[in-house]
Amino acid sequence: LANRLVRQADLLVVEGTAGPGIPNHFAVAVNDGDLDPSI
């Protein structure tokens, strides 16, 4: 999940006046069956 988020952030890089930037809020929808209830 972390690797996918990093790849998603990498795809969202935008060049601004100060250089490359990304959004800072990520809402991630995941199938509830993919989330272990012990975590």
All heavy atoms as atom14 arrays in JSON, in Angstrom:
{
  "sequence": "LANRLVRQADLLVVEGTAGPGIPNHFAVAVNDGDLDPSI",
  "atom14_mask": [
    [1, 1, 1, 1, 1, 1, 1, 1, 0, 0, 0, 0, 0, 0],
    [1, 1, 1, 1, 1, 0, 0, 0, 0, 0, 0, 0, 0, 0],
    [1, 1, 1, 1, 1, 1, 1, 1, 0, 0, 0, 0, 0, 0],
    [1, 1, 1, 1, 1, 1, 1, 1, 1, 1, 1, 0, 0, 0],
    [1, 1, 1, 1, 1, 1, 1, 1, 0, 0, 0, 0, 0, 0],
    [1, 1, 1, 1, 1, 1, 1, 0, 0, 0, 0, 0, 0, 0],
    [1, 1, 1, 1, 1, 1, 1, 1, 1, 1, 1, 0, 0, 0],
    [1, 1, 1, 1, 1, 1, 1, 1, 1, 0, 0, 0, 0, 0],
    [1, 1, 1, 1, 1, 0, 0, 0, 0, 0, 0, 0, 0, 0],
    [1, 1, 1, 1, 1, 1, 1, 1, 0, 0, 0, 0, 0, 0],
    [1, 1, 1, 1, 1, 1, 1, 1, 0, 0, 0, 0, 0, 0],
    [1, 1, 1, 1, 1, 1, 1, 1, 0, 0, 0, 0, 0, 0],
    [1, 1, 1, 1, 1, 1, 1, 0, 0, 0, 0, 0, 0, 0],
    [1, 1, 1, 1, 1, 1, 1, 0, 0, 0, 0, 0, 0, 0],
    [1, 1, 1, 1, 1, 1, 1, 1, 1, 0, 0, 0, 0, 0],
    [1, 1, 1, 1, 0, 0, 0, 0, 0, 0, 0, 0, 0, 0],
    [1, 1, 1, 1, 1, 1, 1, 0, 0, 0, 0, 0, 0, 0],
    [1, 1, 1, 1, 1, 0, 0, 0, 0, 0, 0, 0, 0, 0],
    [1, 1, 1, 1, 0, 0, 0, 0, 0, 0, 0, 0, 0, 0],
    [1, 1, 1, 1, 1, 1, 1, 0, 0, 0, 0, 0, 0, 0],
    [1, 1, 1, 1, 0, 0, 0, 0, 0, 0, 0, 0, 0, 0],
    [1, 1, 1, 1, 1, 1, 1, 1, 0, 0, 0, 0, 0, 0],
    [1, 1, 1, 1, 1, 1, 1, 0, 0, 0, 0, 0, 0, 0],
    [1, 1, 1, 1, 1, 1, 1, 1, 0, 0, 0, 0, 0, 0],
    [1, 1, 1, 1, 1, 1, 1, 1, 1, 1, 0, 0, 0, 0],
    [1, 1, 1, 1, 1, 1, 1, 1, 1, 1, 1, 0, 0, 0],
    [1, 1, 1, 1, 1, 0, 0, 0, 0, 0, 0, 0, 0, 0],
    [1, 1, 1, 1, 1, 1, 1, 0, 0, 0, 0, 0, 0, 0],
    [1, 1, 1, 1, 1, 0, 0, 0, 0, 0, 0, 0, 0, 0],
    [1, 1, 1, 1, 1, 1, 1, 0, 0, 0, 0, 0, 0, 0],
    [1, 1, 1, 1, 1, 1, 1, 1, 0, 0, 0, 0, 0, 0],
    [1, 1, 1, 1, 1, 1, 1, 1, 0, 0, 0, 0, 0, 0],
    [1, 1, 1, 1, 0, 0, 0, 0, 0, 0, 0, 0, 0, 0],
    [1, 1, 1, 1, 1, 1, 1, 1, 0, 0, 0, 0, 0, 0],
    [1, 1, 1, 1, 1, 1, 1, 1, 0, 0, 0, 0, 0, 0],
    [1, 1, 1, 1, 1, 1, 1, 1, 0, 0, 0, 0, 0, 0],
    [1, 1, 1, 1, 1, 1, 1, 0, 0, 0, 0, 0, 0, 0],
    [1, 1, 1, 1, 1, 1, 0, 0, 0, 0, 0, 0, 0, 0],
    [1, 1, 1, 1, 1, 1, 1, 1, 0, 0, 0, 0, 0, 0]
  ],
  "atom14_positions": [
    [[0.83, -1.21, 0.0], [0.0, 0.0, 0.0], [0.87, 1.25, 0.0], [0.6, 2.21, -0.74], [-0.92, -0.02, 1.21], [-1.89, 1.15, 1.37], [-2.75, 1.33, 0.13], [-2.77, 0.94, 2.6], [0.0, 0.0, 0.0], [0.0, 0.0, 0.0], [0.0, 0.0, 0.0], [0.0, 0.0, 0.0], [0.0, 0.0, 0.0], [0.0, 0.0, 0.0]],
    [[1.92, 1.25, 0.81], [2.83, 2.39, 0.86], [3.51, 2.61, -0.5], [3.62, 3.75, -0.97], [3.88, 2.19, 1.94], [0.0, 0.0, 0.0], [0.0, 0.0, 0.0], [0.0, 0.0, 0.0], [0.0, 0.0, 0.0], [0.0, 0.0, 0.0], [0.0, 0.0, 0.0], [0.0, 0.0, 0.0], [0.0, 0.0, 0.0], [0.0, 0.0, 0.0]],
    [[3.95, 1.53, -1.12], [4.6, 1.66, -2.43], [3.64, 2.23, -3.47], [4.03, 3.04, -4.31], [5.12, 0.29, -2.89], [6.35, -0.15, -2.14], [7.09, 0.68, -1.62], [6.58, -1.45, -2.06], [0.0, 0.0, 0.0], [0.0, 0.0, 0.0], [0.0, 0.0, 0.0], [0.0, 0.0, 0.0], [0.0, 0.0, 0.0], [0.0, 0.0, 0.0]],
    [[2.39, 1.81, -3.41], [1.4, 2.33, -4.36], [1.15, 3.82, -4.13], [0.99, 4.59, -5.08], [0.09, 1.55, -4.25], [0.21, 0.1, -4.69], [-1.14, -0.55, -4.73], [-1.02, -2.0, -4.93], [-2.01, -2.75, -5.37], [-3.17, -2.22, -5.68], [-1.85, -4.06, -5.51], [0.0, 0.0, 0.0], [0.0, 0.0, 0.0], [0.0, 0.0, 0.0]],
    [[1.11, 4.22, -2.87], [0.92, 5.63, -2.57], [2.09, 6.47, -3.07], [1.9, 7.57, -3.6], [0.74, 5.83, -1.07], [-0.69, 5.74, -0.53], [-0.69, 5.89, 0.99], [-1.57, 6.8, -1.16], [0.0, 0.0, 0.0], [0.0, 0.0, 0.0], [0.0, 0.0, 0.0], [0.0, 0.0, 0.0], [0.0, 0.0, 0.0], [0.0, 0.0, 0.0]],
    [[3.3, 5.97, -2.88], [4.48, 6.69, -3.35], [4.45, 6.81, -4.88], [4.74, 7.87, -5.43], [5.78, 6.0, -2.88], [6.99, 6.59, -3.6], [5.94, 6.15, -1.37], [0.0, 0.0, 0.0], [0.0, 0.0, 0.0], [0.0, 0.0, 0.0], [0.0, 0.0, 0.0], [0.0, 0.0, 0.0], [0.0, 0.0, 0.0], [0.0, 0.0, 0.0]],
    [[4.07, 5.73, -5.56], [3.96, 5.79, -7.03], [2.89, 6.79, -7.45], [3.06, 7.53, -8.42], [3.64, 4.4, -7.59], [4.82, 3.42, -7.52], [4.63, 2.26, -8.47], [3.45, 1.48, -8.16], [3.43, 0.43, -7.32], [4.55, 0.07, -6.7], [2.32, -0.24, -7.11], [0.0, 0.0, 0.0], [0.0, 0.0, 0.0], [0.0, 0.0, 0.0]],
    [[1.76, 6.8, -6.71], [0.7, 7.76, -7.01], [1.2, 9.19, -6.84], [0.96, 10.06, -7.68], [-0.5, 7.51, -6.09], [-1.69, 8.42, -6.31], [-2.43, 8.11, -7.59], [-2.34, 7.0, -8.12], [-3.17, 9.08, -8.11], [0.0, 0.0, 0.0], [0.0, 0.0, 0.0], [0.0, 0.0, 0.0], [0.0, 0.0, 0.0], [0.0, 0.0, 0.0]],
    [[1.92, 9.44, -5.75], [2.48, 10.78, -5.52], [3.44, 11.17, -6.63], [3.44, 12.31, -7.11], [3.19, 10.82, -4.17], [0.0, 0.0, 0.0], [0.0, 0.0, 0.0], [0.0, 0.0, 0.0], [0.0, 0.0, 0.0], [0.0, 0.0, 0.0], [0.0, 0.0, 0.0], [0.0, 0.0, 0.0], [0.0, 0.0, 0.0], [0.0, 0.0, 0.0]],
    [[4.25, 10.22, -7.07], [5.22, 10.48, -8.14], [4.52, 10.9, -9.43], [5.01, 11.77, -10.16], [6.07, 9.23, -8.36], [7.3, 9.51, -9.2], [7.89, 10.59, -9.06], [7.67, 8.65, -10.02], [0.0, 0.0, 0.0], [0.0, 0.0, 0.0], [0.0, 0.0, 0.0], [0.0, 0.0, 0.0], [0.0, 0.0, 0.0], [0.0, 0.0, 0.0]],
    [[3.37, 10.3, -9.7], [2.61, 10.65, -10.9], [1.97, 12.03, -10.79], [1.62, 12.62, -11.81], [1.51, 9.61, -11.14], [1.98, 8.21, -11.56], [0.8, 7.24, -11.56], [2.64, 8.25, -12.93], [0.0, 0.0, 0.0], [0.0, 0.0, 0.0], [0.0, 0.0, 0.0], [0.0, 0.0, 0.0], [0.0, 0.0, 0.0], [0.0, 0.0, 0.0]],
    [[1.82, 12.53, -9.57], [1.13, 13.8, -9.34], [2.09, 14.98, -9.2], [1.65, 16.1, -8.92], [0.26, 13.7, -8.09], [-0.92, 12.73, -8.18], [-1.54, 12.51, -6.81], [-1.97, 13.24, -9.16], [0.0, 0.0, 0.0], [0.0, 0.0, 0.0], [0.0, 0.0, 0.0], [0.0, 0.0, 0.0], [0.0, 0.0, 0.0], [0.0, 0.0, 0.0]],
    [[3.39, 14.74, -9.36], [4.36, 15.83, -9.22], [4.1, 16.91, -10.28], [3.94, 16.62, -11.46], [5.8, 15.29, -9.37], [6.79, 16.45, -9.45], [6.15, 14.39, -8.19], [0.0, 0.0, 0.0], [0.0, 0.0, 0.0], [0.0, 0.0, 0.0], [0.0, 0.0, 0.0], [0.0, 0.0, 0.0], [0.0, 0.0, 0.0], [0.0, 0.0, 0.0]],
    [[4.03, 18.14, -9.81], [3.82, 19.29, -10.69], [4.94, 20.3, -10.44], [5.3, 20.57, -9.28], [2.45, 19.95, -10.42], [2.3, 21.25, -11.22], [1.31, 18.99, -10.76], [0.0, 0.0, 0.0], [0.0, 0.0, 0.0], [0.0, 0.0, 0.0], [0.0, 0.0, 0.0], [0.0, 0.0, 0.0], [0.0, 0.0, 0.0], [0.0, 0.0, 0.0]],
    [[5.48, 20.86, -11.51], [6.53, 21.86, -11.37], [5.91, 23.22, -11.07], [5.04, 23.7, -11.79], [7.35, 21.95, -12.66], [8.32, 20.8, -12.85], [9.49, 20.86, -11.87], [9.83, 21.97, -11.43], [10.05, 19.79, -11.57], [0.0, 0.0, 0.0], [0.0, 0.0, 0.0], [0.0, 0.0, 0.0], [0.0, 0.0, 0.0], [0.0, 0.0, 0.0]],
    [[6.36, 23.84, -9.98], [5.93, 25.18, -9.63], [7.1, 26.13, -9.61], [8.23, 25.76, -9.99], [0.0, 0.0, 0.0], [0.0, 0.0, 0.0], [0.0, 0.0, 0.0], [0.0, 0.0, 0.0], [0.0, 0.0, 0.0], [0.0, 0.0, 0.0], [0.0, 0.0, 0.0], [0.0, 0.0, 0.0], [0.0, 0.0, 0.0], [0.0, 0.0, 0.0]],
    [[6.87, 27.34, -9.16], [7.94, 28.34, -9.11], [9.13, 27.86, -8.27], [10.29, 28.06, -8.63], [7.41, 29.66, -8.53], [6.31, 30.11, -9.32], [8.49, 30.73, -8.53], [0.0, 0.0, 0.0], [0.0, 0.0, 0.0], [0.0, 0.0, 0.0], [0.0, 0.0, 0.0], [0.0, 0.0, 0.0], [0.0, 0.0, 0.0], [0.0, 0.0, 0.0]],
    [[8.81, 27.18, -7.16], [9.88, 26.71, -6.26], [10.39, 25.33, -6.62], [11.29, 24.81, -5.96], [9.37, 26.71, -4.82], [0.0, 0.0, 0.0], [0.0, 0.0, 0.0], [0.0, 0.0, 0.0], [0.0, 0.0, 0.0], [0.0, 0.0, 0.0], [0.0, 0.0, 0.0], [0.0, 0.0, 0.0], [0.0, 0.0, 0.0], [0.0, 0.0, 0.0]],
    [[9.83, 24.7, -7.67], [10.26, 23.37, -8.07], [9.15, 22.36, -7.95], [7.97, 22.72, -7.82], [0.0, 0.0, 0.0], [0.0, 0.0, 0.0], [0.0, 0.0, 0.0], [0.0, 0.0, 0.0], [0.0, 0.0, 0.0], [0.0, 0.0, 0.0], [0.0, 0.0, 0.0], [0.0, 0.0, 0.0], [0.0, 0.0, 0.0], [0.0, 0.0, 0.0]],
    [[9.46, 21.06, -7.97], [8.44, 20.02, -7.98], [7.67, 19.95, -6.67], [8.24, 20.09, -5.58], [9.23, 18.72, -8.21], [10.61, 19.04, -7.72], [10.82, 20.48, -8.03], [0.0, 0.0, 0.0], [0.0, 0.0, 0.0], [0.0, 0.0, 0.0], [0.0, 0.0, 0.0], [0.0, 0.0, 0.0], [0.0, 0.0, 0.0], [0.0, 0.0, 0.0]],
    [[6.36, 19.73, -6.78], [5.52, 19.63, -5.59], [4.43, 18.6, -5.78], [4.11, 18.2, -6.9], [0.0, 0.0, 0.0], [0.0, 0.0, 0.0], [0.0, 0.0, 0.0], [0.0, 0.0, 0.0], [0.0, 0.0, 0.0], [0.0, 0.0, 0.0], [0.0, 0.0, 0.0], [0.0, 0.0, 0.0], [0.0, 0.0, 0.0], [0.0, 0.0, 0.0]],
    [[3.88, 18.14, -4.65], [2.8, 17.15, -4.68], [1.68, 17.61, -3.76], [1.87, 18.47, -2.9], [3.28, 15.75, -4.23], [3.79, 15.8, -2.78], [4.31, 15.19, -5.18], [4.02, 14.43, -2.15], [0.0, 0.0, 0.0], [0.0, 0.0, 0.0], [0.0, 0.0, 0.0], [0.0, 0.0, 0.0], [0.0, 0.0, 0.0], [0.0, 0.0, 0.0]],
    [[0.45, 17.02, -3.9], [-0.6, 17.28, -2.92], [-0.19, 16.74, -1.55], [0.72, 15.9, -1.46], [-1.82, 16.51, -3.48], [-1.46, 16.18, -4.89], [0.02, 16.1, -4.96], [0.0, 0.0, 0.0], [0.0, 0.0, 0.0], [0.0, 0.0, 0.0], [0.0, 0.0, 0.0], [0.0, 0.0, 0.0], [0.0, 0.0, 0.0], [0.0, 0.0, 0.0]],
    [[-0.88, 17.16, -0.5], [-0.52, 16.66, 0.82], [-1.65, 15.88, 1.5], [-1.45, 15.35, 2.59], [-0.01, 17.78, 1.74], [-0.98, 18.94, 1.84], [-2.18, 18.79, 1.71], [-0.44, 20.13, 2.08], [0.0, 0.0, 0.0], [0.0, 0.0, 0.0], [0.0, 0.0, 0.0], [0.0, 0.0, 0.0], [0.0, 0.0, 0.0], [0.0, 0.0, 0.0]],
    [[-2.82, 15.8, 0.89], [-3.91, 15.0, 1.44], [-4.27, 13.89, 0.46], [-4.51, 14.15, -0.73], [-5.13, 15.87, 1.73], [-5.0, 16.69, 2.97], [-6.07, 17.08, 3.73], [-3.9, 17.2, 3.6], [-5.66, 17.79, 4.77], [-4.33, 17.89, 4.69], [0.0, 0.0, 0.0], [0.0, 0.0, 0.0], [0.0, 0.0, 0.0], [0.0, 0.0, 0.0]],
    [[-4.3, 12.66, 0.96], [-4.57, 11.48, 0.14], [-5.72, 10.68, 0.76], [-5.59, 10.2, 1.89], [-3.33, 10.58, 0.04], [-2.17, 11.2, -0.69], [-1.38, 12.17, -0.07], [-1.87, 10.82, -1.98], [-0.31, 12.75, -0.73], [-0.8, 11.39, -2.65], [-0.03, 12.36, -2.04], [0.0, 0.0, 0.0], [0.0, 0.0, 0.0], [0.0, 0.0, 0.0]],
    [[-6.83, 10.58, 0.05], [-7.94, 9.74, 0.49], [-7.87, 8.45, -0.34], [-8.03, 8.47, -1.55], [-9.27, 10.44, 0.27], [0.0, 0.0, 0.0], [0.0, 0.0, 0.0], [0.0, 0.0, 0.0], [0.0, 0.0, 0.0], [0.0, 0.0, 0.0], [0.0, 0.0, 0.0], [0.0, 0.0, 0.0], [0.0, 0.0, 0.0], [0.0, 0.0, 0.0]],
    [[-7.61, 7.33, 0.34], [-7.34, 6.07, -0.34], [-8.47, 5.08, -0.05], [-8.68, 4.68, 1.1], [-5.99, 5.47, 0.13], [-5.67, 4.21, -0.66], [-4.88, 6.5, -0.02], [0.0, 0.0, 0.0], [0.0, 0.0, 0.0], [0.0, 0.0, 0.0], [0.0, 0.0, 0.0], [0.0, 0.0, 0.0], [0.0, 0.0, 0.0], [0.0, 0.0, 0.0]],
    [[-9.2, 4.71, -1.1], [-10.26, 3.72, -0.97], [-9.68, 2.34, -1.25], [-8.99, 2.14, -2.25], [-11.4, 4.02, -1.94], [0.0, 0.0, 0.0], [0.0, 0.0, 0.0], [0.0, 0.0, 0.0], [0.0, 0.0, 0.0], [0.0, 0.0, 0.0], [0.0, 0.0, 0.0], [0.0, 0.0, 0.0], [0.0, 0.0, 0.0], [0.0, 0.0, 0.0]],
    [[-9.93, 1.4, -0.34], [-9.42, 0.03, -0.43], [-10.57, -0.93, -0.16], [-11.43, -0.65, 0.69], [-8.3, -0.21, 0.62], [-7.73, -1.61, 0.51], [-7.18, 0.83, 0.46], [0.0, 0.0, 0.0], [0.0, 0.0, 0.0], [0.0, 0.0, 0.0], [0.0, 0.0, 0.0], [0.0, 0.0, 0.0], [0.0, 0.0, 0.0], [0.0, 0.0, 0.0]],
    [[-10.61, -2.04, -0.88], [-11.61, -3.06, -0.59], [-11.47, -3.51, 0.86], [-10.36, -3.81, 1.32], [-11.43, -4.25, -1.53], [-12.55, -5.26, -1.39], [-12.64, -5.96, -0.4], [-13.4, -5.32, -2.4], [0.0, 0.0, 0.0], [0.0, 0.0, 0.0], [0.0, 0.0, 0.0], [0.0, 0.0, 0.0], [0.0, 0.0, 0.0], [0.0, 0.0, 0.0]],
    [[-12.59, -3.54, 1.59], [-12.48, -3.87, 3.01], [-11.96, -5.27, 3.25], [-11.4, -5.57, 4.32], [-13.82, -3.67, 3.74], [-14.98, -4.37, 3.08], [-14.76, -5.14, 2.11], [-16.12, -4.17, 3.53], [0.0, 0.0, 0.0], [0.0, 0.0, 0.0], [0.0, 0.0, 0.0], [0.0, 0.0, 0.0], [0.0, 0.0, 0.0], [0.0, 0.0, 0.0]],
    [[-12.07, -6.15, 2.25], [-11.5, -7.48, 2.39], [-9.99, -7.52, 2.29], [-9.36, -8.51, 2.66], [0.0, 0.0, 0.0], [0.0, 0.0, 0.0], [0.0, 0.0, 0.0], [0.0, 0.0, 0.0], [0.0, 0.0, 0.0], [0.0, 0.0, 0.0], [0.0, 0.0, 0.0], [0.0, 0.0, 0.0], [0.0, 0.0, 0.0], [0.0, 0.0, 0.0]],
    [[-9.39, -6.41, 1.8], [-7.94, -6.33, 1.68], [-7.28, -5.8, 2.95], [-6.05, -5.76, 3.05], [-7.54, -5.42, 0.52], [-7.69, -6.12, -0.83], [-7.69, -7.35, -0.85], [-7.82, -5.41, -1.84], [0.0, 0.0, 0.0], [0.0, 0.0, 0.0], [0.0, 0.0, 0.0], [0.0, 0.0, 0.0], [0.0, 0.0, 0.0], [0.0, 0.0, 0.0]],
    [[-8.09, -5.35, 3.92], [-7.55, -4.79, 5.15], [-7.65, -5.82, 6.26], [-8.75, -6.26, 6.62], [-8.33, -3.53, 5.55], [-8.18, -2.33, 4.6], [-9.15, -1.23, 5.0], [-6.75, -1.82, 4.62], [0.0, 0.0, 0.0], [0.0, 0.0, 0.0], [0.0, 0.0, 0.0], [0.0, 0.0, 0.0], [0.0, 0.0, 0.0], [0.0, 0.0, 0.0]],
    [[-6.52, -6.21, 6.8], [-6.53, -7.18, 7.89], [-7.12, -6.53, 9.14], [-6.68, -5.45, 9.55], [-5.11, -7.66, 8.17], [-5.11, -8.88, 9.08], [-5.4, -8.7, 10.27], [-4.82, -9.98, 8.59], [0.0, 0.0, 0.0], [0.0, 0.0, 0.0], [0.0, 0.0, 0.0], [0.0, 0.0, 0.0], [0.0, 0.0, 0.0], [0.0, 0.0, 0.0]],
    [[-8.14, -7.14, 9.75], [-8.79, -6.52, 10.9], [-7.89, -6.38, 12.13], [-8.2, -5.63, 13.04], [-9.97, -7.47, 11.19], [-9.58, -8.77, 10.56], [-8.78, -8.41, 9.35], [0.0, 0.0, 0.0], [0.0, 0.0, 0.0], [0.0, 0.0, 0.0], [0.0, 0.0, 0.0], [0.0, 0.0, 0.0], [0.0, 0.0, 0.0], [0.0, 0.0, 0.0]],
    [[-6.75, -7.08, 12.13], [-5.86, -6.99, 13.29], [-5.0, -5.74, 13.26], [-4.35, -5.4, 14.25], [-4.95, -8.23, 13.35], [-4.05, -8.25, 12.25], [0.0, 0.0, 0.0], [0.0, 0.0, 0.0], [0.0, 0.0, 0.0], [0.0, 0.0, 0.0], [0.0, 0.0, 0.0], [0.0, 0.0, 0.0], [0.0, 0.0, 0.0], [0.0, 0.0, 0.0]],
    [[-4.97, -5.04, 12.13], [-4.15, -3.84, 12.02], [-4.93, -2.62, 12.5], [-6.09, -2.43, 12.14], [-3.69, -3.63, 10.56], [-2.73, -4.72, 10.15], [-3.01, -2.28, 10.39], [-2.24, -4.59, 8.74], [0.0, 0.0, 0.0], [0.0, 0.0, 0.0], [0.0, 0.0, 0.0], [0.0, 0.0, 0.0], [0.0, 0.0, 0.0], [0.0, 0.0, 0.0]]
  ]
}
